[in-house]
Amino acid sequence: MNTGYKASFRQIWRSMSLRFKIGLCIVIAFIIIGFVVYLFSPGEVMTLSAYKKNQAPSWEHILGTNKQGQDIFWLLIESIHNSMMIGIVVAAAATAIGVFIGLLSGFVGGAVDRVIMFLCDSIIVIPSLPILILMGSMLKGRASLMMIAGILIIFNWPWPARQARSMALTIREREFINTARFSGENLFKIVCVEILPHVLSWSMANFVNTILVAIGSEASLAVLGLSSTTTPTLGNMIYWARQYQAIMLKQWIWIGSPVLATAVLFIGLFLTYTGYNEYVAKKRGR
């Protein structure tokens, strides 16, 4: 049994495109940095004047220190951790809510379907970034990351809901669904046990894409100074580097490290998402 599993995994891995493999390796590297290396953090990285200011990279301070006396390396590690936490929380909640509501809507149909789709369409047409900017301006940088994550969840669940609904509409007329109905299974069990497994593959792709969207939205707010200014994220790190004239002082590592990390993380997530979609499309075409 174990041998069969290994062979199956090898076969799947070989069928994956180079794009997916590169993207997955990048994402795994960031997960290790953000959730494993993060555990070895020396303490509160936002403390001012904790070290001698403007030190060059060394064994003690891998990326040196900034104008505020903070260790840039550990500040970057915690920023990656917090940004990825926002992305994962938003992606998990939005995908789970959207997929369940979409499947329920498509399977039940009728008035329930029309009401849910009207709600989805109403939220989709509202641009989320202006709402987040308005909220950030009103709170003047005091918005917590969980508050921002909550708003991002509200604006991101309708997309998977619409797509899950379209899948449910095609699946609900199949023979095994009729069999489940006649056997007396309730609505919740049919949706979760009979229909959900057929959309899990697509849900994983949506999950990765939503992580990218959530991190990008929070970073956009943070660079404008409208996110939580007390919690380090990749966007906040760029914001504080700009505020304290890192470019004028030629402290390229201070501002360059979060910019590079954000770019590489986005590339990794994009390659993983598109590579996985390519694999699913190829699998369906067989």
Protein backbone atom coordinates (compact mmCIF):
# COMPACT_ATOMS: atom_id res chain seq x y z
CA MET A 1 0.00 0.00 0.00
CA ASN A 2 2.80 2.37 0.89
CA THR A 3 4.63 1.54 -2.37
CA GLY A 4 1.51 2.40 -4.37
CA TYR A 5 1.24 5.75 -2.65
CA LYS A 6 4.85 6.63 -3.44
CA ALA A 7 4.47 5.62 -7.07
CA SER A 8 1.29 7.69 -7.34
CA PHE A 9 3.01 10.72 -5.81
CA ARG A 10 5.97 10.38 -8.23
CA GLN A 11 3.62 10.14 -11.16
CA ILE A 12 1.73 13.27 -10.11
CA TRP A 13 4.97 15.17 -9.45
CA ARG A 14 6.40 14.25 -12.85
CA SER A 15 3.22 15.37 -14.59
CA MET A 16 3.43 18.79 -12.94
CA SER A 17 4.96 21.58 -15.02
CA LEU A 18 8.31 23.18 -14.22
CA ARG A 19 6.38 26.38 -13.46
CA PHE A 20 4.45 24.69 -10.65
CA LYS A 21 7.57 23.04 -9.19
CA ILE A 22 9.51 26.32 -9.08
CA GLY A 23 6.54 28.16 -7.56
CA LEU A 24 5.94 25.47 -4.94
CA CYS A 25 9.61 25.47 -3.91
CA ILE A 26 9.49 29.26 -3.47
CA VAL A 27 6.28 29.08 -1.40
CA ILE A 28 7.67 26.27 0.78
CA ALA A 29 10.84 28.33 1.36
CA PHE A 30 8.71 31.26 2.56
CA ILE A 31 6.65 28.97 4.80
CA ILE A 32 9.87 27.70 6.41
CA ILE A 33 11.16 31.26 6.84
CA GLY A 34 7.86 32.62 8.14
CA PHE A 35 6.85 29.77 10.45
CA VAL A 36 10.02 27.85 11.37
CA VAL A 37 12.84 30.41 11.37
CA TYR A 38 10.36 32.81 12.98
CA LEU A 39 10.32 30.61 16.11
CA PHE A 40 13.96 31.55 16.79
CA SER A 41 13.22 35.29 16.90
CA PRO A 42 15.18 37.01 19.71
CA GLY A 43 12.14 38.90 20.99
CA GLU A 44 10.22 42.09 20.19
CA VAL A 45 11.69 43.15 16.84
CA MET A 46 9.88 46.53 16.78
CA THR A 47 11.75 47.81 19.86
CA LEU A 48 13.58 51.04 19.00
CA SER A 49 17.31 51.45 19.65
CA ALA A 50 17.65 47.79 20.66
CA TYR A 51 20.99 47.69 18.81
CA LYS A 52 23.57 50.13 17.54
CA LYS A 53 22.10 52.03 14.60
CA ASN A 54 23.07 51.72 10.92
CA GLN A 55 25.36 48.71 11.32
CA ALA A 56 26.58 46.86 8.24
CA PRO A 57 25.69 43.16 7.75
CA SER A 58 27.66 40.85 10.06
CA TRP A 59 27.39 37.45 11.74
CA GLU A 60 25.52 39.09 14.62
CA HIS A 61 23.18 41.07 12.36
CA ILE A 62 22.83 39.21 9.05
CA LEU A 63 21.25 42.15 7.20
CA GLY A 64 22.60 44.84 9.49
CA THR A 65 20.54 47.32 11.52
CA ASN A 66 18.48 50.32 10.45
CA LYS A 67 18.25 53.95 11.49
CA GLN A 68 15.90 53.01 14.34
CA GLY A 69 18.30 50.47 15.85
CA GLN A 70 16.30 47.42 14.75
CA ASP A 71 17.73 44.18 13.37
CA ILE A 72 16.64 44.16 9.71
CA PHE A 73 16.86 40.36 9.34
CA TRP A 74 14.51 39.57 12.23
CA LEU A 75 12.24 42.46 11.28
CA LEU A 76 11.97 40.90 7.81
CA ILE A 77 11.29 37.43 9.23
CA GLU A 78 8.42 38.69 11.41
CA SER A 79 7.06 40.76 8.51
CA ILE A 80 6.98 37.66 6.29
CA HIS A 81 5.27 35.71 9.10
CA ASN A 82 2.53 38.31 9.62
CA SER A 83 1.92 38.88 5.90
CA MET A 84 1.60 35.15 5.27
CA MET A 85 -0.72 34.76 8.28
CA ILE A 86 -3.03 37.42 6.81
CA GLY A 87 -2.96 35.70 3.43
CA ILE A 88 -3.65 32.23 4.84
CA VAL A 89 -6.45 33.35 7.20
CA VAL A 90 -8.23 35.34 4.48
CA ALA A 91 -7.75 32.61 1.85
CA ALA A 92 -8.93 29.79 4.15
CA ALA A 93 -12.01 31.66 5.39
CA ALA A 94 -13.03 33.16 2.02
CA THR A 95 -12.56 29.86 0.16
CA ALA A 96 -14.40 27.78 2.78
CA ILE A 97 -17.33 30.22 3.04
CA GLY A 98 -17.52 30.80 -0.71
CA VAL A 99 -17.34 27.13 -1.70
CA PHE A 100 -19.94 26.00 0.85
CA ILE A 101 -22.40 28.80 0.05
CA GLY A 102 -21.86 28.34 -3.70
CA LEU A 103 -22.47 24.58 -3.55
CA LEU A 104 -25.54 25.07 -1.38
CA SER A 105 -26.88 27.74 -3.74
CA GLY A 106 -26.34 25.64 -6.86
CA PHE A 107 -27.76 22.47 -5.35
CA VAL A 108 -30.86 24.00 -3.74
CA GLY A 109 -31.67 26.44 -6.56
CA GLY A 110 -34.88 28.48 -6.64
CA ALA A 111 -35.32 31.56 -4.43
CA VAL A 112 -32.32 30.64 -2.24
CA ASP A 113 -30.06 30.57 -5.30
CA ARG A 114 -31.37 33.92 -6.59
CA VAL A 115 -30.90 35.67 -3.22
CA ILE A 116 -27.36 34.32 -2.73
CA MET A 117 -26.31 35.22 -6.28
CA PHE A 118 -27.77 38.72 -5.91
CA LEU A 119 -25.72 39.16 -2.72
CA CYS A 120 -22.58 37.84 -4.47
CA ASP A 121 -23.01 40.14 -7.46
CA SER A 122 -23.64 43.13 -5.18
CA ILE A 123 -20.38 42.55 -3.29
CA ILE A 124 -18.35 41.78 -6.43
CA VAL A 125 -19.16 45.13 -8.07
CA ILE A 126 -17.98 47.05 -4.99
CA PRO A 127 -14.19 47.71 -5.20
CA SER A 128 -12.54 46.59 -1.97
CA LEU A 129 -9.43 48.81 -2.04
CA PRO A 130 -11.28 52.16 -1.72
CA ILE A 131 -13.27 50.73 1.22
CA LEU A 132 -10.05 49.61 2.89
CA ILE A 133 -8.40 52.98 2.24
CA LEU A 134 -11.43 54.80 3.71
CA MET A 135 -11.40 52.55 6.78
CA GLY A 136 -7.64 53.00 7.20
CA SER A 137 -7.96 56.79 6.89
CA MET A 138 -10.71 56.93 9.49
CA LEU A 139 -8.77 54.77 11.94
CA LYS A 140 -5.47 56.56 11.15
CA GLY A 141 -3.28 53.48 11.21
CA ARG A 142 -4.98 51.94 14.24
CA ALA A 143 -6.80 49.23 12.26
CA SER A 144 -5.77 45.79 13.47
CA LEU A 145 -4.62 43.17 11.00
CA MET A 146 -7.58 40.96 11.93
CA MET A 147 -9.96 43.82 11.14
CA ILE A 148 -8.36 44.23 7.72
CA ALA A 149 -8.47 40.45 7.24
CA GLY A 150 -12.19 40.45 8.09
CA ILE A 151 -12.96 43.03 5.41
CA LEU A 152 -10.84 41.14 2.87
CA ILE A 153 -12.80 37.96 3.64
CA ILE A 154 -16.08 39.81 3.00
CA PHE A 155 -14.86 40.96 -0.42
CA ASN A 156 -13.23 37.67 -1.46
CA TRP A 157 -15.81 34.96 -0.70
CA PRO A 158 -18.23 35.79 -3.59
CA TRP A 159 -15.71 34.76 -6.28
CA PRO A 160 -15.35 31.13 -5.18
CA ALA A 161 -19.09 31.09 -4.40
CA ARG A 162 -20.05 31.85 -8.01
CA GLN A 163 -17.63 29.29 -9.43
CA ALA A 164 -18.63 26.60 -6.91
CA ARG A 165 -22.29 27.24 -7.80
CA SER A 166 -21.63 26.63 -11.49
CA MET A 167 -19.95 23.32 -10.61
CA ALA A 168 -22.86 22.32 -8.35
CA LEU A 169 -25.33 22.99 -11.18
CA THR A 170 -23.53 20.47 -13.40
CA ILE A 171 -23.06 17.85 -10.65
CA ARG A 172 -26.51 17.88 -9.03
CA GLU A 173 -28.19 16.05 -11.94
CA ARG A 174 -25.75 13.14 -11.97
CA GLU A 175 -26.85 9.65 -11.05
CA PHE A 176 -24.94 9.35 -7.77
CA ILE A 177 -26.67 12.52 -6.45
CA ASN A 178 -30.09 11.03 -7.21
CA THR A 179 -29.01 7.84 -5.47
CA ALA A 180 -27.97 9.84 -2.39
CA ARG A 181 -31.34 11.61 -2.36
CA PHE A 182 -33.34 8.41 -2.62
CA SER A 183 -31.25 6.81 0.13
CA GLY A 184 -32.42 9.52 2.52
CA GLU A 185 -29.23 11.58 2.92
CA ASN A 186 -29.88 15.12 4.16
CA LEU A 187 -28.94 18.26 2.23
CA PHE A 188 -25.87 19.06 4.31
CA LYS A 189 -24.42 15.56 3.89
CA ILE A 190 -25.03 15.54 0.13
CA VAL A 191 -23.27 18.89 -0.31
CA CYS A 192 -20.31 18.06 1.96
CA VAL A 193 -19.84 14.36 1.16
CA GLU A 194 -21.08 13.90 -2.39
CA ILE A 195 -20.41 17.25 -4.13
CA LEU A 196 -17.54 18.88 -2.20
CA PRO A 197 -14.86 16.29 -3.20
CA HIS A 198 -15.46 17.19 -6.87
CA VAL A 199 -14.49 20.84 -6.29
CA LEU A 200 -11.57 20.38 -3.88
CA SER A 201 -9.01 20.44 -6.69
CA TRP A 202 -10.28 23.80 -7.93
CA SER A 203 -10.62 25.08 -4.34
CA MET A 204 -6.89 24.56 -3.75
CA ALA A 205 -6.07 26.75 -6.76
CA ASN A 206 -8.48 29.44 -5.52
CA PHE A 207 -6.92 29.22 -2.04
CA VAL A 208 -3.43 29.98 -3.40
CA ASN A 209 -4.73 32.83 -5.57
CA THR A 210 -6.60 34.40 -2.62
CA ILE A 211 -3.42 34.34 -0.50
CA LEU A 212 -1.76 36.43 -3.22
CA VAL A 213 -4.70 38.86 -3.38
CA ALA A 214 -4.89 39.26 0.42
CA ILE A 215 -1.17 39.88 0.89
CA GLY A 216 -1.18 42.34 -2.02
CA SER A 217 -4.17 44.27 -0.63
CA GLU A 218 -2.68 44.56 2.86
CA ALA A 219 0.71 45.55 1.45
CA SER A 220 -0.92 48.28 -0.67
CA LEU A 221 -2.60 49.72 2.43
CA ALA A 222 0.55 49.45 4.53
CA VAL A 223 2.73 51.25 1.98
CA LEU A 224 0.22 54.13 2.15
CA GLY A 225 0.46 54.07 5.96
CA LEU A 226 -3.15 52.92 6.38
CA SER A 227 -2.59 49.44 7.83
CA SER A 228 -1.71 48.53 11.41
CA THR A 229 1.43 50.64 11.95
CA THR A 230 2.44 48.75 15.10
CA THR A 231 2.56 45.27 13.54
CA PRO A 232 5.41 44.45 11.13
CA THR A 233 4.32 43.25 7.70
CA LEU A 234 6.12 43.43 4.37
CA GLY A 235 4.11 46.52 3.42
CA ASN A 236 4.72 48.19 6.80
CA MET A 237 8.44 47.53 6.56
CA ILE A 238 8.52 49.34 3.21
CA TYR A 239 6.42 52.17 4.69
CA TRP A 240 8.74 52.75 7.67
CA ALA A 241 11.82 52.56 5.44
CA ARG A 242 10.30 55.29 3.25
CA GLN A 243 9.29 57.38 6.27
CA TYR A 244 12.82 57.35 7.66
CA GLN A 245 14.45 58.15 4.31
CA ALA A 246 16.16 54.80 3.75
CA ILE A 247 16.76 55.66 0.09
CA MET A 248 18.26 59.07 0.91
CA LEU A 249 20.51 57.40 3.49
CA LYS A 250 21.41 54.70 0.92
CA GLN A 251 20.25 51.94 3.27
CA TRP A 252 19.32 49.70 0.38
CA ILE A 253 19.01 46.55 2.47
CA TRP A 254 16.42 48.15 4.76
CA ILE A 255 14.01 49.03 1.96
CA GLY A 256 15.24 46.52 -0.63
CA SER A 257 14.78 43.34 1.44
CA PRO A 258 10.96 43.68 1.92
CA VAL A 259 10.51 44.78 -1.71
CA LEU A 260 12.49 41.76 -2.96
CA ALA A 261 10.73 39.38 -0.53
CA THR A 262 7.30 40.64 -1.64
CA ALA A 263 8.20 40.29 -5.33
CA VAL A 264 9.62 36.77 -4.93
CA LEU A 265 6.64 35.65 -2.80
CA PHE A 266 4.19 36.97 -5.40
CA ILE A 267 6.10 35.23 -8.20
CA GLY A 268 6.06 31.97 -6.21
CA LEU A 269 2.32 32.16 -5.53
CA PHE A 270 1.57 33.10 -9.14
CA LEU A 271 3.66 30.25 -10.55
CA THR A 272 2.05 27.78 -8.13
CA TYR A 273 -1.46 28.97 -8.99
CA THR A 274 -1.02 28.98 -12.78
CA GLY A 275 1.01 25.76 -12.76
CA TYR A 276 -1.63 23.94 -10.74
CA ASN A 277 -4.40 25.23 -13.02
CA GLU A 278 -2.42 23.97 -16.00
CA TYR A 279 -2.14 20.53 -14.37
CA VAL A 280 -5.89 20.38 -13.61
CA ALA A 281 -6.76 21.44 -17.18
CA LYS A 282 -4.43 18.80 -18.61
CA LYS A 283 -5.92 16.15 -16.30
CA ARG A 284 -9.48 17.02 -17.36
CA GLY A 285 -8.50 16.92 -21.02
CA ARG A 286 -7.36 13.31 -20.80
